């Protein structure tokens, strides 16, 4: 197996783009509380992550438990990021 270290940079940049987009959405939504940040994170999660992962569940036939692990991790990450971005001023 080859080292995946060069791809860590790409992954880091991708996560920075997600954080920037979430910051813009939080700002546009006017979320300034913990609940507001969670609401924006969950909405982004449902609208983007779940819809894309359902495609993998259906077309790539990934196991349902793997689907739950993938979307669950994104739910936690987007909710926490939403809270941080909403209350950080």
N, C-alpha and C. Protein backbone atom coordinates (compact mmCIF):
# COMPACT_ATOMS: atom_id res chain seq x y z
N UNK A 1 0.83 -1.18 0.00
CA UNK A 1 0.00 0.00 0.00
C UNK A 1 0.88 1.25 0.00
N UNK A 2 0.44 2.24 -0.74
CA UNK A 2 1.18 3.50 -0.81
C UNK A 2 0.75 4.42 0.33
N UNK A 3 1.66 5.27 0.74
CA UNK A 3 1.35 6.25 1.78
C UNK A 3 0.31 7.24 1.27
N UNK A 4 -0.61 7.62 2.13
CA UNK A 4 -1.68 8.55 1.74
C UNK A 4 -1.41 9.97 2.22
N UNK A 5 -0.20 10.22 2.70
CA UNK A 5 0.14 11.53 3.24
C UNK A 5 -0.15 12.69 2.28
N UNK A 6 0.18 12.58 0.99
CA UNK A 6 -0.14 13.71 0.09
C UNK A 6 -1.64 14.00 0.03
N UNK A 7 -2.47 13.03 0.22
CA UNK A 7 -3.92 13.24 0.15
C UNK A 7 -4.44 13.92 1.40
N UNK A 8 -3.66 13.91 2.48
CA UNK A 8 -4.08 14.61 3.70
C UNK A 8 -4.18 16.10 3.45
N UNK A 9 -3.31 16.64 2.62
CA UNK A 9 -3.36 18.06 2.28
C UNK A 9 -4.65 18.37 1.52
N UNK A 10 -4.99 17.51 0.58
CA UNK A 10 -6.22 17.70 -0.19
C UNK A 10 -7.43 17.61 0.74
N UNK A 11 -7.43 16.65 1.65
CA UNK A 11 -8.52 16.52 2.61
C UNK A 11 -8.63 17.74 3.51
N UNK A 12 -7.50 18.26 3.95
CA UNK A 12 -7.50 19.45 4.80
C UNK A 12 -8.09 20.65 4.06
N UNK A 13 -7.69 20.83 2.82
CA UNK A 13 -8.23 21.94 2.02
C UNK A 13 -9.74 21.76 1.82
N UNK A 14 -10.17 20.54 1.56
CA UNK A 14 -11.59 20.27 1.40
C UNK A 14 -12.38 20.62 2.64
N UNK A 15 -11.85 20.28 3.80
CA UNK A 15 -12.53 20.61 5.05
C UNK A 15 -12.56 22.11 5.31
N UNK A 16 -11.53 22.81 4.88
CA UNK A 16 -11.52 24.27 5.02
C UNK A 16 -12.60 24.91 4.13
N UNK A 17 -12.79 24.35 2.95
CA UNK A 17 -13.83 24.86 2.05
C UNK A 17 -15.21 24.62 2.66
N UNK A 18 -15.41 23.46 3.26
CA UNK A 18 -16.68 23.16 3.92
C UNK A 18 -16.91 24.14 5.07
N UNK A 19 -15.88 24.39 5.87
CA UNK A 19 -16.02 25.32 7.00
C UNK A 19 -16.34 26.73 6.51
N UNK A 20 -15.72 27.15 5.43
CA UNK A 20 -15.99 28.48 4.87
C UNK A 20 -17.44 28.57 4.38
N UNK A 21 -17.88 27.55 3.66
CA UNK A 21 -19.26 27.55 3.16
C UNK A 21 -20.25 27.54 4.32
N UNK A 22 -19.96 26.75 5.35
CA UNK A 22 -20.85 26.71 6.52
C UNK A 22 -20.85 28.06 7.23
N UNK A 23 -19.72 28.73 7.30
CA UNK A 23 -19.66 30.05 7.93
C UNK A 23 -20.54 31.05 7.18
N UNK A 24 -20.52 30.98 5.87
CA UNK A 24 -21.35 31.88 5.07
C UNK A 24 -22.82 31.56 5.31
N UNK A 25 -23.18 30.30 5.33
CA UNK A 25 -24.57 29.91 5.55
C UNK A 25 -25.04 30.31 6.94
N UNK A 26 -24.20 30.10 7.95
CA UNK A 26 -24.54 30.51 9.32
C UNK A 26 -24.77 32.02 9.37
N UNK A 27 -23.91 32.76 8.71
CA UNK A 27 -24.05 34.22 8.69
C UNK A 27 -25.33 34.64 7.98
N UNK A 28 -25.61 34.06 6.83
CA UNK A 28 -26.81 34.39 6.08
C UNK A 28 -28.08 34.02 6.84
N UNK A 29 -28.00 32.93 7.60
CA UNK A 29 -29.16 32.50 8.39
C UNK A 29 -29.34 33.35 9.63
N UNK A 30 -28.33 34.10 10.00
CA UNK A 30 -28.41 34.94 11.19
C UNK A 30 -28.35 34.15 12.48
N UNK A 31 -27.75 32.97 12.43
CA UNK A 31 -27.65 32.12 13.62
C UNK A 31 -26.60 32.68 14.57
N UNK A 32 -27.00 32.94 15.82
CA UNK A 32 -26.07 33.47 16.81
C UNK A 32 -26.12 32.71 18.13
N UNK A 33 -26.89 31.63 18.17
CA UNK A 33 -27.02 30.83 19.39
C UNK A 33 -26.59 29.40 19.11
N UNK A 34 -26.45 28.64 20.19
CA UNK A 34 -26.10 27.22 20.06
C UNK A 34 -27.16 26.49 19.25
N UNK A 35 -28.42 26.70 19.57
CA UNK A 35 -29.49 26.03 18.83
C UNK A 35 -29.54 26.46 17.38
N UNK A 36 -29.28 27.73 17.12
CA UNK A 36 -29.23 28.20 15.74
C UNK A 36 -28.11 27.55 14.96
N UNK A 37 -26.96 27.41 15.58
CA UNK A 37 -25.82 26.75 14.93
C UNK A 37 -26.10 25.29 14.66
N UNK A 38 -26.72 24.61 15.63
CA UNK A 38 -27.08 23.21 15.42
C UNK A 38 -28.10 23.09 14.29
N UNK A 39 -29.08 23.99 14.27
CA UNK A 39 -30.11 23.94 13.23
C UNK A 39 -29.50 24.10 11.84
N UNK A 40 -28.58 25.03 11.69
CA UNK A 40 -27.94 25.23 10.39
C UNK A 40 -27.10 24.01 10.03
N UNK A 41 -26.35 23.48 10.99
CA UNK A 41 -25.55 22.28 10.74
C UNK A 41 -26.39 21.10 10.31
N UNK A 42 -27.52 20.89 10.98
CA UNK A 42 -28.40 19.78 10.65
C UNK A 42 -29.03 19.99 9.27
N UNK A 43 -29.42 21.21 8.98
CA UNK A 43 -30.02 21.50 7.67
C UNK A 43 -29.02 21.25 6.54
N UNK A 44 -27.79 21.70 6.72
CA UNK A 44 -26.75 21.44 5.72
C UNK A 44 -26.49 19.95 5.61
N UNK A 45 -26.48 19.25 6.73
CA UNK A 45 -26.27 17.80 6.76
C UNK A 45 -27.35 17.08 5.96
N UNK A 46 -28.60 17.42 6.21
CA UNK A 46 -29.71 16.77 5.50
C UNK A 46 -29.66 17.12 4.01
N UNK A 47 -29.45 18.39 3.72
CA UNK A 47 -29.52 18.85 2.34
C UNK A 47 -28.38 18.39 1.46
N UNK A 48 -27.21 18.17 2.04
CA UNK A 48 -26.06 17.84 1.21
C UNK A 48 -25.47 16.47 1.52
N UNK A 49 -25.16 16.20 2.77
CA UNK A 49 -24.47 14.95 3.11
C UNK A 49 -25.39 13.74 2.94
N UNK A 50 -26.54 13.79 3.57
CA UNK A 50 -27.44 12.63 3.52
C UNK A 50 -27.86 12.34 2.09
N UNK A 51 -28.19 13.37 1.34
CA UNK A 51 -28.64 13.14 -0.03
C UNK A 51 -27.55 12.50 -0.89
N UNK A 52 -26.30 12.91 -0.69
CA UNK A 52 -25.21 12.30 -1.45
C UNK A 52 -24.93 10.88 -0.99
N UNK A 53 -24.95 10.66 0.30
CA UNK A 53 -24.67 9.33 0.83
C UNK A 53 -25.77 8.33 0.49
N UNK A 54 -27.02 8.80 0.37
CA UNK A 54 -28.10 7.90 -0.03
C UNK A 54 -27.83 7.34 -1.42
N UNK A 55 -27.24 8.15 -2.27
CA UNK A 55 -26.86 7.67 -3.60
C UNK A 55 -25.87 6.51 -3.51
N UNK A 56 -24.90 6.62 -2.61
CA UNK A 56 -23.96 5.53 -2.42
C UNK A 56 -24.64 4.30 -1.83
N UNK A 57 -25.58 4.54 -0.93
CA UNK A 57 -26.32 3.43 -0.33
C UNK A 57 -27.08 2.67 -1.40
N UNK A 58 -27.71 3.40 -2.30
CA UNK A 58 -28.54 2.78 -3.33
C UNK A 58 -27.70 2.20 -4.47
N UNK A 59 -26.84 3.02 -5.05
CA UNK A 59 -26.15 2.62 -6.28
C UNK A 59 -24.90 1.80 -6.03
N UNK A 60 -24.16 2.11 -4.99
CA UNK A 60 -22.95 1.35 -4.69
C UNK A 60 -23.22 0.22 -3.72
N UNK A 61 -24.43 0.19 -3.21
CA UNK A 61 -24.89 -0.87 -2.30
C UNK A 61 -23.97 -1.05 -1.09
N UNK A 62 -23.59 0.11 -0.48
CA UNK A 62 -22.80 0.02 0.75
C UNK A 62 -23.71 -0.50 1.86
N UNK A 63 -23.15 -1.18 2.85
CA UNK A 63 -23.98 -1.66 3.96
C UNK A 63 -24.64 -0.50 4.71
N UNK A 64 -25.84 -0.74 5.20
CA UNK A 64 -26.59 0.32 5.88
C UNK A 64 -25.86 0.82 7.11
N UNK A 65 -25.19 -0.08 7.83
CA UNK A 65 -24.43 0.35 9.01
C UNK A 65 -23.29 1.30 8.63
N UNK A 66 -22.64 1.04 7.51
CA UNK A 66 -21.59 1.95 7.03
C UNK A 66 -22.19 3.30 6.67
N UNK A 67 -23.36 3.28 6.05
CA UNK A 67 -24.08 4.52 5.74
C UNK A 67 -24.32 5.32 7.03
N UNK A 68 -24.81 4.64 8.06
CA UNK A 68 -25.08 5.33 9.34
C UNK A 68 -23.81 5.89 9.96
N UNK A 69 -22.71 5.16 9.87
CA UNK A 69 -21.45 5.65 10.42
C UNK A 69 -20.99 6.89 9.66
N UNK A 70 -21.07 6.85 8.34
CA UNK A 70 -20.64 7.99 7.53
C UNK A 70 -21.48 9.23 7.81
N UNK A 71 -22.80 9.08 7.74
CA UNK A 71 -23.65 10.26 7.93
C UNK A 71 -23.63 10.72 9.38
N UNK A 72 -23.47 9.79 10.31
CA UNK A 72 -23.40 10.17 11.72
C UNK A 72 -22.19 11.02 12.04
N UNK A 73 -21.07 10.65 11.47
CA UNK A 73 -19.86 11.44 11.68
C UNK A 73 -19.99 12.85 11.13
N UNK A 74 -20.59 12.94 9.96
CA UNK A 74 -20.81 14.26 9.36
C UNK A 74 -21.82 15.08 10.16
N UNK A 75 -22.83 14.42 10.71
CA UNK A 75 -23.82 15.13 11.54
C UNK A 75 -23.15 15.78 12.74
N UNK A 76 -22.32 15.03 13.42
CA UNK A 76 -21.62 15.56 14.59
C UNK A 76 -20.70 16.71 14.18
N UNK A 77 -19.92 16.50 13.13
CA UNK A 77 -18.96 17.52 12.71
C UNK A 77 -19.65 18.81 12.27
N UNK A 78 -20.69 18.70 11.47
CA UNK A 78 -21.38 19.91 11.00
C UNK A 78 -22.13 20.61 12.13
N UNK A 79 -22.67 19.85 13.05
CA UNK A 79 -23.38 20.47 14.18
C UNK A 79 -22.40 21.23 15.08
N UNK A 80 -21.28 20.60 15.39
CA UNK A 80 -20.28 21.27 16.24
C UNK A 80 -19.73 22.50 15.53
N UNK A 81 -19.41 22.37 14.24
CA UNK A 81 -18.90 23.51 13.49
C UNK A 81 -19.95 24.61 13.42
N UNK A 82 -21.21 24.24 13.23
CA UNK A 82 -22.28 25.23 13.20
C UNK A 82 -22.39 26.00 14.50
N UNK A 83 -22.26 25.29 15.62
CA UNK A 83 -22.32 25.94 16.94
C UNK A 83 -21.14 26.90 17.10
N UNK A 84 -19.95 26.43 16.77
CA UNK A 84 -18.75 27.27 16.93
C UNK A 84 -18.89 28.53 16.08
N UNK A 85 -19.30 28.36 14.84
CA UNK A 85 -19.42 29.51 13.94
C UNK A 85 -20.54 30.46 14.35
N UNK A 86 -21.60 29.92 14.94
CA UNK A 86 -22.73 30.77 15.32
C UNK A 86 -22.43 31.61 16.56
N UNK A 87 -21.74 31.03 17.53
CA UNK A 87 -21.54 31.76 18.79
C UNK A 87 -20.22 32.52 18.83
N UNK A 88 -19.32 32.25 17.90
CA UNK A 88 -18.01 32.89 17.88
C UNK A 88 -18.12 34.26 17.20
N UNK A 89 -17.97 35.29 17.96
CA UNK A 89 -18.09 36.65 17.42
C UNK A 89 -17.03 37.52 18.03
